[in-house]
Amino acid sequence: MNHSISNHFFVRRLAMLMTLLFSISVQASAEHQHEDKHSEPNHSRHETQHATHGNKDAEHGHEDEHGHEDEHGHEDEHGHEDEQGHEDEHGHEDEHGHEDEHGHDEHEEGQVHISIEQIAVSGIVAHSAQAGEIKKVLTLYGRTIVPEQNTSDVRARFAGLITQLNVGVGEKVQAGQVIAEIESNASLKRYSIKAPISGVVVSRNANIGELATDNVLLSIVDNSQLWAEYQVFPSQKSRVSIGQKLSVESEQLSVTSAIEYLLNPMNNEAYLRARAPIDNSEGSWTVGAFLSGEVTLSKHNVDLAIDNRALQVMENQQVIFVKNDEGFEKRVVTLGKKDRQMSELLSGLAVGEEYAIENSFLLKADLEKSSAAHVH
């Protein structure tokens, strides 16, 4: 019996031991599954991060199989640099104000790069610097008038009926040309009226069938020769004399003449009248046009004189643009005596150098535009 009891206890202990071992095994399995569940994502994340760091390493400056470097400005196999403005394969710099394709600074101080073709298209004209003269002048003002002998008012010699009137306003007539016919009231005979001077009919005051008495039928003006008549005030009188050369100017017209008459004041005028002839055979001058006139009082010879049209002001300095192989360069100049047309040049240009005269303001505008773009 004792042996049965012993066997019984042995079986119970063995059963408890098996149960305990099975419980431990189940618990261990559950914990292992729990660890796998949480460790696999972390492991993937670590691998991904590692791969990412590897890719970043590849991006940061590691050459690819072609020897090209990344977007951070390292050289590729051709030595080209990136978009940040470094040198290309020719050693030229980019659009950000560094060297241009010729190796020159696009915004080189005072230099305007312009081709010969562009100069021609822009109408920029350059002249060679030479010695010259500066004039001291007196400016007068006046207008153009028709010489008294070049106007004619046409009338009938005898009163009568106008039977012909052959010309109208604006028509040219020649001296001796028949321009009208009148039937005399006294004799009832017809007689002709001829143009007394050559010129242009400027007014017509009668028509066929009307009576001609002492009224003006036609007015004729010959404006092929004009007077430039100027006012000379008492303070100017001592500096004006007959025979003096005179520059006659009106808008875009200019001609050189000489004073032929100095007429005393009339009708309580406070000035004298100086007259100089103008040839108007081509009809360029208008009757009654306002004039300015320059009487040359003295002349002063200078070693170097430049045309005033060349002068521009930049940064409160007088500058000109001197021609060179690449276009024009800005030069600061020092001026001496000057008149309306020319200025004496003391420094900034040498005899024989070419400088821009006509449309030089275009060079100034181009330089200011380039400088503004460079600053921004």
Protein backbone atom coordinates (compact mmCIF):
# COMPACT_ATOMS: atom_id res chain seq x y z
CA MET A 1 0.00 0.00 0.00
CA ASN A 2 2.81 2.28 0.78
CA HIS A 3 4.12 1.53 -2.64
CA SER A 4 0.77 2.54 -4.20
CA ILE A 5 0.73 5.72 -2.23
CA SER A 6 4.22 6.51 -3.36
CA ASN A 7 3.28 5.88 -6.96
CA HIS A 8 0.26 8.05 -6.59
CA PHE A 9 2.32 10.96 -5.21
CA PHE A 10 4.92 10.48 -7.92
CA VAL A 11 2.28 10.69 -10.65
CA ARG A 12 0.76 13.83 -9.14
CA ARG A 13 4.13 15.54 -8.88
CA LEU A 14 4.98 14.58 -12.42
CA ALA A 15 1.68 15.96 -13.64
CA MET A 16 2.25 19.25 -11.82
CA LEU A 17 5.75 19.47 -13.22
CA MET A 18 4.49 18.94 -16.77
CA THR A 19 1.78 21.51 -16.27
CA LEU A 20 4.33 24.02 -14.99
CA LEU A 21 6.70 23.38 -17.91
CA PHE A 22 3.85 23.76 -20.43
CA SER A 23 2.77 27.03 -18.80
CA ILE A 24 6.33 28.41 -18.95
CA SER A 25 6.65 27.35 -22.58
CA VAL A 26 3.39 29.07 -23.58
CA GLN A 27 4.37 32.27 -21.76
CA ALA A 28 7.79 32.34 -23.38
CA SER A 29 6.26 31.87 -26.81
CA ALA A 30 3.86 34.73 -26.26
CA GLU A 31 6.64 37.07 -25.14
CA HIS A 32 8.75 36.15 -28.15
CA GLN A 33 5.87 36.95 -30.52
CA HIS A 34 5.33 40.26 -28.74
CA GLU A 35 8.99 41.20 -29.16
CA ASP A 36 8.92 40.27 -32.84
CA LYS A 37 5.86 42.41 -33.38
CA HIS A 38 7.57 45.50 -31.94
CA SER A 39 11.09 44.94 -33.14
CA GLU A 40 10.40 44.32 -36.83
CA PRO A 41 9.16 47.92 -37.60
CA ASN A 42 12.03 49.36 -35.63
CA HIS A 43 14.41 47.17 -37.51
CA SER A 44 12.89 48.32 -40.86
CA ARG A 45 13.07 51.92 -39.76
CA HIS A 46 16.69 51.57 -38.80
CA GLU A 47 17.44 49.99 -42.14
CA THR A 48 15.54 52.72 -43.98
CA GLN A 49 17.38 55.45 -42.08
CA HIS A 50 20.63 53.77 -42.83
CA ALA A 51 19.73 53.63 -46.52
CA THR A 52 18.66 57.29 -46.42
CA HIS A 53 21.93 58.36 -44.88
CA GLY A 54 23.67 56.40 -47.55
CA ASN A 55 21.73 58.19 -50.27
CA LYS A 56 22.46 61.54 -48.70
CA ASP A 57 26.10 60.68 -48.64
CA ALA A 58 25.81 59.94 -52.30
CA GLU A 59 24.15 63.32 -52.92
CA HIS A 60 26.71 65.30 -50.95
CA GLY A 61 29.58 65.45 -53.32
CA HIS A 62 30.16 61.82 -54.30
CA GLU A 63 30.82 61.55 -57.97
CA ASP A 64 28.62 59.29 -60.07
CA GLU A 65 29.93 56.93 -62.64
CA HIS A 66 30.33 59.77 -65.13
CA GLY A 67 32.35 61.94 -62.78
CA HIS A 68 29.53 64.58 -62.41
CA GLU A 69 29.10 66.20 -59.08
CA ASP A 70 25.92 67.18 -57.34
CA GLU A 71 23.75 70.28 -57.40
CA HIS A 72 25.80 72.05 -54.73
CA GLY A 73 28.23 73.56 -57.17
CA HIS A 74 30.93 70.95 -57.61
CA GLU A 75 32.44 70.49 -60.98
CA ASP A 76 31.09 67.98 -63.48
CA GLU A 77 33.25 66.06 -65.91
CA HIS A 78 33.46 69.11 -68.18
CA GLY A 79 34.48 71.53 -65.45
CA HIS A 80 31.12 73.40 -65.69
CA GLU A 81 29.90 74.96 -62.54
CA ASP A 82 26.36 75.20 -61.31
CA GLU A 83 23.67 77.82 -61.62
CA GLN A 84 25.07 79.85 -58.74
CA GLY A 85 27.29 81.87 -61.05
CA HIS A 86 30.65 80.13 -61.10
CA GLU A 87 32.85 79.69 -64.08
CA ASP A 88 31.84 77.57 -67.07
CA GLU A 89 34.17 75.51 -69.22
CA HIS A 90 35.52 78.68 -70.85
CA GLY A 91 36.25 80.42 -67.58
CA HIS A 92 33.38 82.87 -68.17
CA GLU A 93 31.11 83.93 -65.45
CA ASP A 94 27.35 83.99 -65.39
CA GLU A 95 24.53 86.50 -65.64
CA HIS A 96 24.95 87.73 -62.08
CA GLY A 97 27.39 90.44 -63.05
CA HIS A 98 30.53 88.40 -63.41
CA GLU A 99 32.61 88.13 -66.52
CA ASP A 100 30.79 87.89 -69.86
CA GLU A 101 31.54 85.51 -72.69
CA HIS A 102 34.51 87.61 -73.78
CA GLY A 103 36.10 87.60 -70.36
CA HIS A 104 35.15 91.25 -69.72
CA ASP A 105 33.13 92.61 -66.87
CA GLU A 106 29.71 93.41 -68.30
CA HIS A 107 29.43 96.36 -65.96
CA GLU A 108 32.99 97.54 -66.25
CA GLU A 109 33.10 101.05 -64.87
CA GLY A 110 32.12 103.57 -67.54
CA GLN A 111 32.29 101.15 -70.49
CA VAL A 112 29.41 100.85 -72.97
CA HIS A 113 29.75 97.73 -75.12
CA ILE A 114 28.20 98.47 -78.52
CA SER A 115 28.91 97.13 -81.99
CA ILE A 116 29.60 99.16 -85.11
CA GLU A 117 26.21 98.07 -86.48
CA GLN A 118 24.42 99.22 -83.33
CA ILE A 119 26.22 102.56 -83.47
CA ALA A 120 24.99 103.10 -87.02
CA VAL A 121 21.41 102.06 -86.24
CA SER A 122 21.30 104.33 -83.16
CA GLY A 123 22.48 107.33 -85.18
CA ILE A 124 25.43 107.94 -82.88
CA VAL A 125 28.00 110.11 -84.65
CA ALA A 126 31.56 110.57 -83.39
CA HIS A 127 34.00 113.33 -84.36
CA SER A 128 37.72 113.68 -83.84
CA ALA A 129 38.83 116.14 -81.18
CA GLN A 130 40.67 119.14 -82.64
CA ALA A 131 41.76 122.65 -81.85
CA GLY A 132 39.08 125.30 -82.27
CA GLU A 133 37.84 128.73 -81.32
CA ILE A 134 35.45 130.02 -78.69
CA LYS A 135 33.36 133.02 -79.65
CA LYS A 136 32.04 135.81 -77.49
CA VAL A 137 28.65 136.67 -78.92
CA LEU A 138 25.73 139.04 -78.46
CA THR A 139 22.30 137.51 -78.95
CA LEU A 140 19.57 139.52 -80.66
CA TYR A 141 15.91 138.68 -81.32
CA GLY A 142 13.58 139.55 -84.19
CA ARG A 143 11.62 138.10 -87.12
CA THR A 144 11.65 137.67 -90.90
CA ILE A 145 10.01 140.34 -93.04
CA VAL A 146 9.48 140.83 -96.79
CA PRO A 147 11.47 143.66 -98.36
CA GLU A 148 9.15 146.56 -99.12
CA GLN A 149 9.94 146.42 -102.84
CA ASN A 150 8.87 142.77 -103.01
CA THR A 151 5.17 143.36 -102.37
CA SER A 152 2.58 144.77 -104.78
CA ASP A 153 -1.13 145.64 -104.52
CA VAL A 154 -2.69 145.49 -108.01
CA ARG A 155 -5.39 148.07 -108.98
CA ALA A 156 -7.16 149.04 -112.20
CA ARG A 157 -5.80 152.12 -114.00
CA PHE A 158 -9.28 153.23 -115.03
CA ALA A 159 -12.57 152.38 -113.40
CA GLY A 160 -14.58 149.80 -115.26
CA LEU A 161 -16.09 146.33 -115.45
CA ILE A 162 -13.87 143.35 -114.68
CA THR A 163 -14.16 141.04 -117.68
CA GLN A 164 -11.25 138.68 -116.82
CA LEU A 165 -9.36 137.77 -113.67
CA ASN A 166 -6.98 134.96 -114.50
CA VAL A 167 -5.21 134.04 -111.22
CA GLY A 168 -6.14 133.01 -107.73
CA VAL A 169 -4.59 132.92 -104.27
CA GLY A 170 -1.46 130.74 -104.09
CA GLU A 171 -0.66 130.90 -107.79
CA LYS A 172 2.74 132.03 -108.96
CA VAL A 173 2.94 134.84 -111.48
CA GLN A 174 5.75 136.34 -113.50
CA ALA A 175 6.40 140.04 -113.99
CA GLY A 176 4.61 141.17 -117.19
CA GLN A 177 2.08 138.31 -117.16
CA VAL A 178 -1.55 139.37 -117.98
CA ILE A 179 -3.58 138.75 -114.84
CA ALA A 180 -6.82 140.72 -115.48
CA GLU A 181 -8.86 142.60 -118.12
CA ILE A 182 -11.03 145.66 -117.52
CA GLU A 183 -13.66 147.37 -119.75
CA SER A 184 -13.27 151.11 -119.19
CA ASN A 185 -16.39 153.01 -118.18
CA ALA A 186 -15.17 156.07 -120.03
CA SER A 187 -14.15 154.61 -123.39
CA LEU A 188 -15.88 151.21 -123.18
CA LYS A 189 -12.61 149.77 -124.43
CA ARG A 190 -10.91 146.87 -122.76
CA TYR A 191 -7.38 147.04 -121.42
CA SER A 192 -5.13 144.46 -119.74
CA ILE A 193 -3.54 144.51 -116.29
CA LYS A 194 -0.11 142.86 -116.01
CA ALA A 195 1.71 141.58 -112.94
CA PRO A 196 4.16 144.28 -111.82
CA ILE A 197 6.48 141.78 -110.04
CA SER A 198 7.09 138.07 -109.96
CA GLY A 199 5.81 136.28 -106.92
CA VAL A 200 2.83 134.55 -105.38
CA VAL A 201 -0.75 135.84 -105.22
CA VAL A 202 -1.48 136.16 -101.51
CA SER A 203 -4.94 137.77 -101.71
CA ARG A 204 -7.77 138.28 -104.25
CA ASN A 205 -10.41 140.90 -103.55
CA ALA A 206 -12.48 141.00 -106.80
CA ASN A 207 -14.23 138.74 -109.29
CA ILE A 208 -15.40 138.83 -112.92
CA GLY A 209 -18.49 141.05 -113.45
CA GLU A 210 -17.66 143.38 -110.56
CA LEU A 211 -16.67 147.01 -110.88
CA ALA A 212 -13.05 147.98 -110.45
CA THR A 213 -12.51 151.43 -109.02
CA ASP A 214 -9.55 152.24 -106.80
CA ASN A 215 -9.87 149.03 -104.81
CA VAL A 216 -7.07 146.42 -104.61
CA LEU A 217 -7.82 143.55 -106.96
CA LEU A 218 -4.86 141.30 -106.11
CA SER A 219 -1.81 141.30 -103.79
CA ILE A 220 1.45 139.73 -104.93
CA VAL A 221 4.45 138.95 -102.71
CA ASP A 222 7.94 137.90 -103.73
CA ASN A 223 9.49 136.12 -100.74
CA SER A 224 12.55 134.75 -102.53
CA GLN A 225 14.55 137.34 -100.58
CA LEU A 226 13.81 138.25 -96.96
CA TRP A 227 15.14 140.48 -94.24
CA ALA A 228 16.14 139.19 -90.84
CA GLU A 229 15.15 142.22 -88.78
CA TYR A 230 16.41 142.40 -85.18
CA GLN A 231 15.74 144.73 -82.27
CA VAL A 232 18.85 146.45 -80.92
CA PHE A 233 18.31 148.11 -77.55
CA PRO A 234 20.33 151.11 -76.31
CA SER A 235 22.50 148.93 -74.02
CA GLN A 236 23.46 146.83 -77.05
CA LYS A 237 23.94 149.62 -79.58
CA SER A 238 27.66 150.17 -78.90
CA ARG A 239 28.44 146.53 -79.73
CA VAL A 240 26.49 146.36 -83.01
CA SER A 241 27.64 147.86 -86.28
CA ILE A 242 27.04 147.57 -90.02
CA GLY A 243 29.06 144.80 -91.62
CA GLN A 244 29.20 142.52 -88.57
CA LYS A 245 28.75 138.81 -89.23
CA LEU A 246 25.51 137.42 -87.89
CA SER A 247 24.25 133.87 -87.35
CA VAL A 248 20.53 133.81 -88.20
CA GLU A 249 18.57 130.98 -86.56
CA SER A 250 14.94 129.87 -86.50
CA GLU A 251 13.96 126.44 -85.15
CA GLN A 252 15.88 123.97 -87.36
CA LEU A 253 17.15 126.61 -89.80
CA SER A 254 20.43 128.48 -89.59
CA VAL A 255 22.36 130.71 -91.98
CA THR A 256 25.23 133.17 -91.76
CA SER A 257 24.62 136.73 -92.92
CA ALA A 258 25.86 140.25 -92.20
CA ILE A 259 24.19 143.39 -90.94
CA GLU A 260 23.46 145.76 -93.86
CA TYR A 261 21.31 148.39 -92.16
CA LEU A 262 20.86 149.93 -88.72
CA LEU A 263 17.57 151.85 -88.79
CA ASN A 264 16.81 154.54 -86.24
CA PRO A 265 13.75 154.21 -84.01
CA MET A 266 10.37 155.05 -85.55
CA ASN A 267 6.95 155.68 -84.02
CA ASN A 268 8.35 156.02 -80.50
CA GLU A 269 10.17 152.69 -80.67
CA ALA A 270 12.71 152.08 -77.88
CA TYR A 271 15.14 150.21 -80.10
CA LEU A 272 17.01 150.32 -83.39
CA ARG A 273 16.37 147.82 -86.14
CA ALA A 274 19.25 145.82 -87.59
CA ARG A 275 18.63 144.15 -90.96
CA ALA A 276 20.50 141.24 -92.54
CA PRO A 277 19.48 139.60 -95.86
CA ILE A 278 18.34 135.98 -96.16
CA ASP A 279 18.27 134.05 -99.43
CA ASN A 280 14.90 132.26 -99.51
CA SER A 281 14.88 131.11 -103.13
CA GLU A 282 14.11 127.55 -101.97
CA GLY A 283 11.24 128.72 -99.76
CA SER A 284 12.68 127.28 -96.52
CA TRP A 285 12.03 130.40 -94.44
CA THR A 286 8.56 131.55 -93.42
CA VAL A 287 7.55 135.19 -93.48
CA GLY A 288 7.02 136.45 -89.92
CA ALA A 289 9.04 133.63 -88.30
CA PHE A 290 10.67 134.47 -84.95
CA LEU A 291 14.46 134.62 -85.08
CA SER A 292 17.47 134.66 -82.83
CA GLY A 293 20.75 136.09 -84.04
CA GLU A 294 24.28 135.93 -82.70
CA VAL A 295 26.66 138.77 -83.44
CA THR A 296 30.29 137.68 -83.01
CA LEU A 297 32.08 140.21 -80.80
CA SER A 298 35.40 138.36 -80.40
CA LYS A 299 37.10 134.98 -80.99
CA HIS A 300 39.49 133.04 -78.76
CA ASN A 301 41.60 130.18 -80.16
CA VAL A 302 41.96 127.07 -77.93
CA ASP A 303 44.14 123.96 -78.19
CA LEU A 304 41.17 121.61 -77.90
CA ALA A 305 37.46 122.32 -78.38
CA ILE A 306 34.51 119.92 -78.28
CA ASP A 307 30.94 120.18 -79.49
CA ASN A 308 28.53 121.00 -76.67
CA ARG A 309 26.14 118.30 -77.90
CA ALA A 310 28.64 115.72 -76.64
CA LEU A 311 28.40 116.86 -73.03
CA GLN A 312 26.31 114.86 -70.58
CA VAL A 313 25.92 115.16 -66.82
CA MET A 314 26.33 112.05 -64.65
CA GLU A 315 26.66 112.14 -60.88
CA ASN A 316 27.01 115.94 -61.03
CA GLN A 317 30.01 115.67 -63.35
CA GLN A 318 30.46 116.75 -66.97
CA VAL A 319 31.25 113.66 -69.04
CA ILE A 320 31.73 112.68 -72.66
CA PHE A 321 31.87 109.27 -74.35
CA VAL A 322 35.12 108.40 -76.10
CA LYS A 323 35.21 105.74 -78.80
CA ASN A 324 37.31 102.61 -78.29
CA ASP A 325 37.55 99.05 -79.66
CA GLU A 326 34.57 97.82 -77.63
CA GLY A 327 32.26 100.79 -78.07
CA PHE A 328 32.51 103.92 -75.91
CA GLU A 329 33.90 104.72 -72.50
CA LYS A 330 32.77 107.46 -70.16
CA ARG A 331 35.28 110.22 -69.45
CA VAL A 332 35.01 113.00 -66.89
CA VAL A 333 36.14 116.28 -68.46
CA THR A 334 37.21 119.71 -67.26
CA LEU A 335 35.93 122.66 -69.28
CA GLY A 336 37.22 126.17 -69.83
CA LYS A 337 35.66 128.91 -71.97
CA LYS A 338 32.51 128.09 -73.88
CA ASP A 339 29.92 129.50 -76.24
CA ARG A 340 26.61 128.13 -77.50
CA GLN A 341 28.26 125.60 -79.82
CA MET A 342 31.71 124.74 -78.50
CA SER A 343 33.58 124.38 -75.20
CA GLU A 344 37.27 124.56 -74.44
CA LEU A 345 38.53 121.26 -73.02
CA LEU A 346 41.21 121.43 -70.31
CA SER A 347 41.42 117.72 -69.43
CA GLY A 348 39.82 114.35 -70.19
CA LEU A 349 40.51 114.01 -73.93
CA ALA A 350 43.48 114.11 -76.29
CA VAL A 351 43.70 115.63 -79.75
CA GLY A 352 42.68 113.07 -82.36
CA GLU A 353 40.52 110.92 -80.07
CA GLU A 354 36.98 110.35 -81.31
CA TYR A 355 34.05 111.26 -79.09
CA ALA A 356 30.30 110.85 -79.51
CA ILE A 357 28.41 114.01 -80.50
CA GLU A 358 25.01 113.25 -81.99
CA ASN A 359 22.75 111.07 -79.82
CA SER A 360 25.39 110.76 -77.11
CA PHE A 361 22.52 110.78 -74.61
CA LEU A 362 21.72 107.21 -75.73
CA LEU A 363 25.10 106.06 -74.37
CA LYS A 364 24.39 107.78 -71.08
CA ALA A 365 20.98 106.08 -70.86
CA ASP A 366 22.49 102.67 -71.65
CA LEU A 367 25.19 103.07 -69.00
CA GLU A 368 22.69 104.18 -66.35
CA LYS A 369 20.42 101.24 -67.20
CA SER A 370 23.28 98.75 -66.93
CA SER A 371 24.43 100.24 -63.62
CA ALA A 372 20.89 100.05 -62.19
CA ALA A 373 20.53 96.41 -63.26
CA HIS A 374 23.92 95.59 -61.71
CA VAL A 375 22.93 97.13 -58.39
CA HIS A 376 19.74 95.07 -58.24
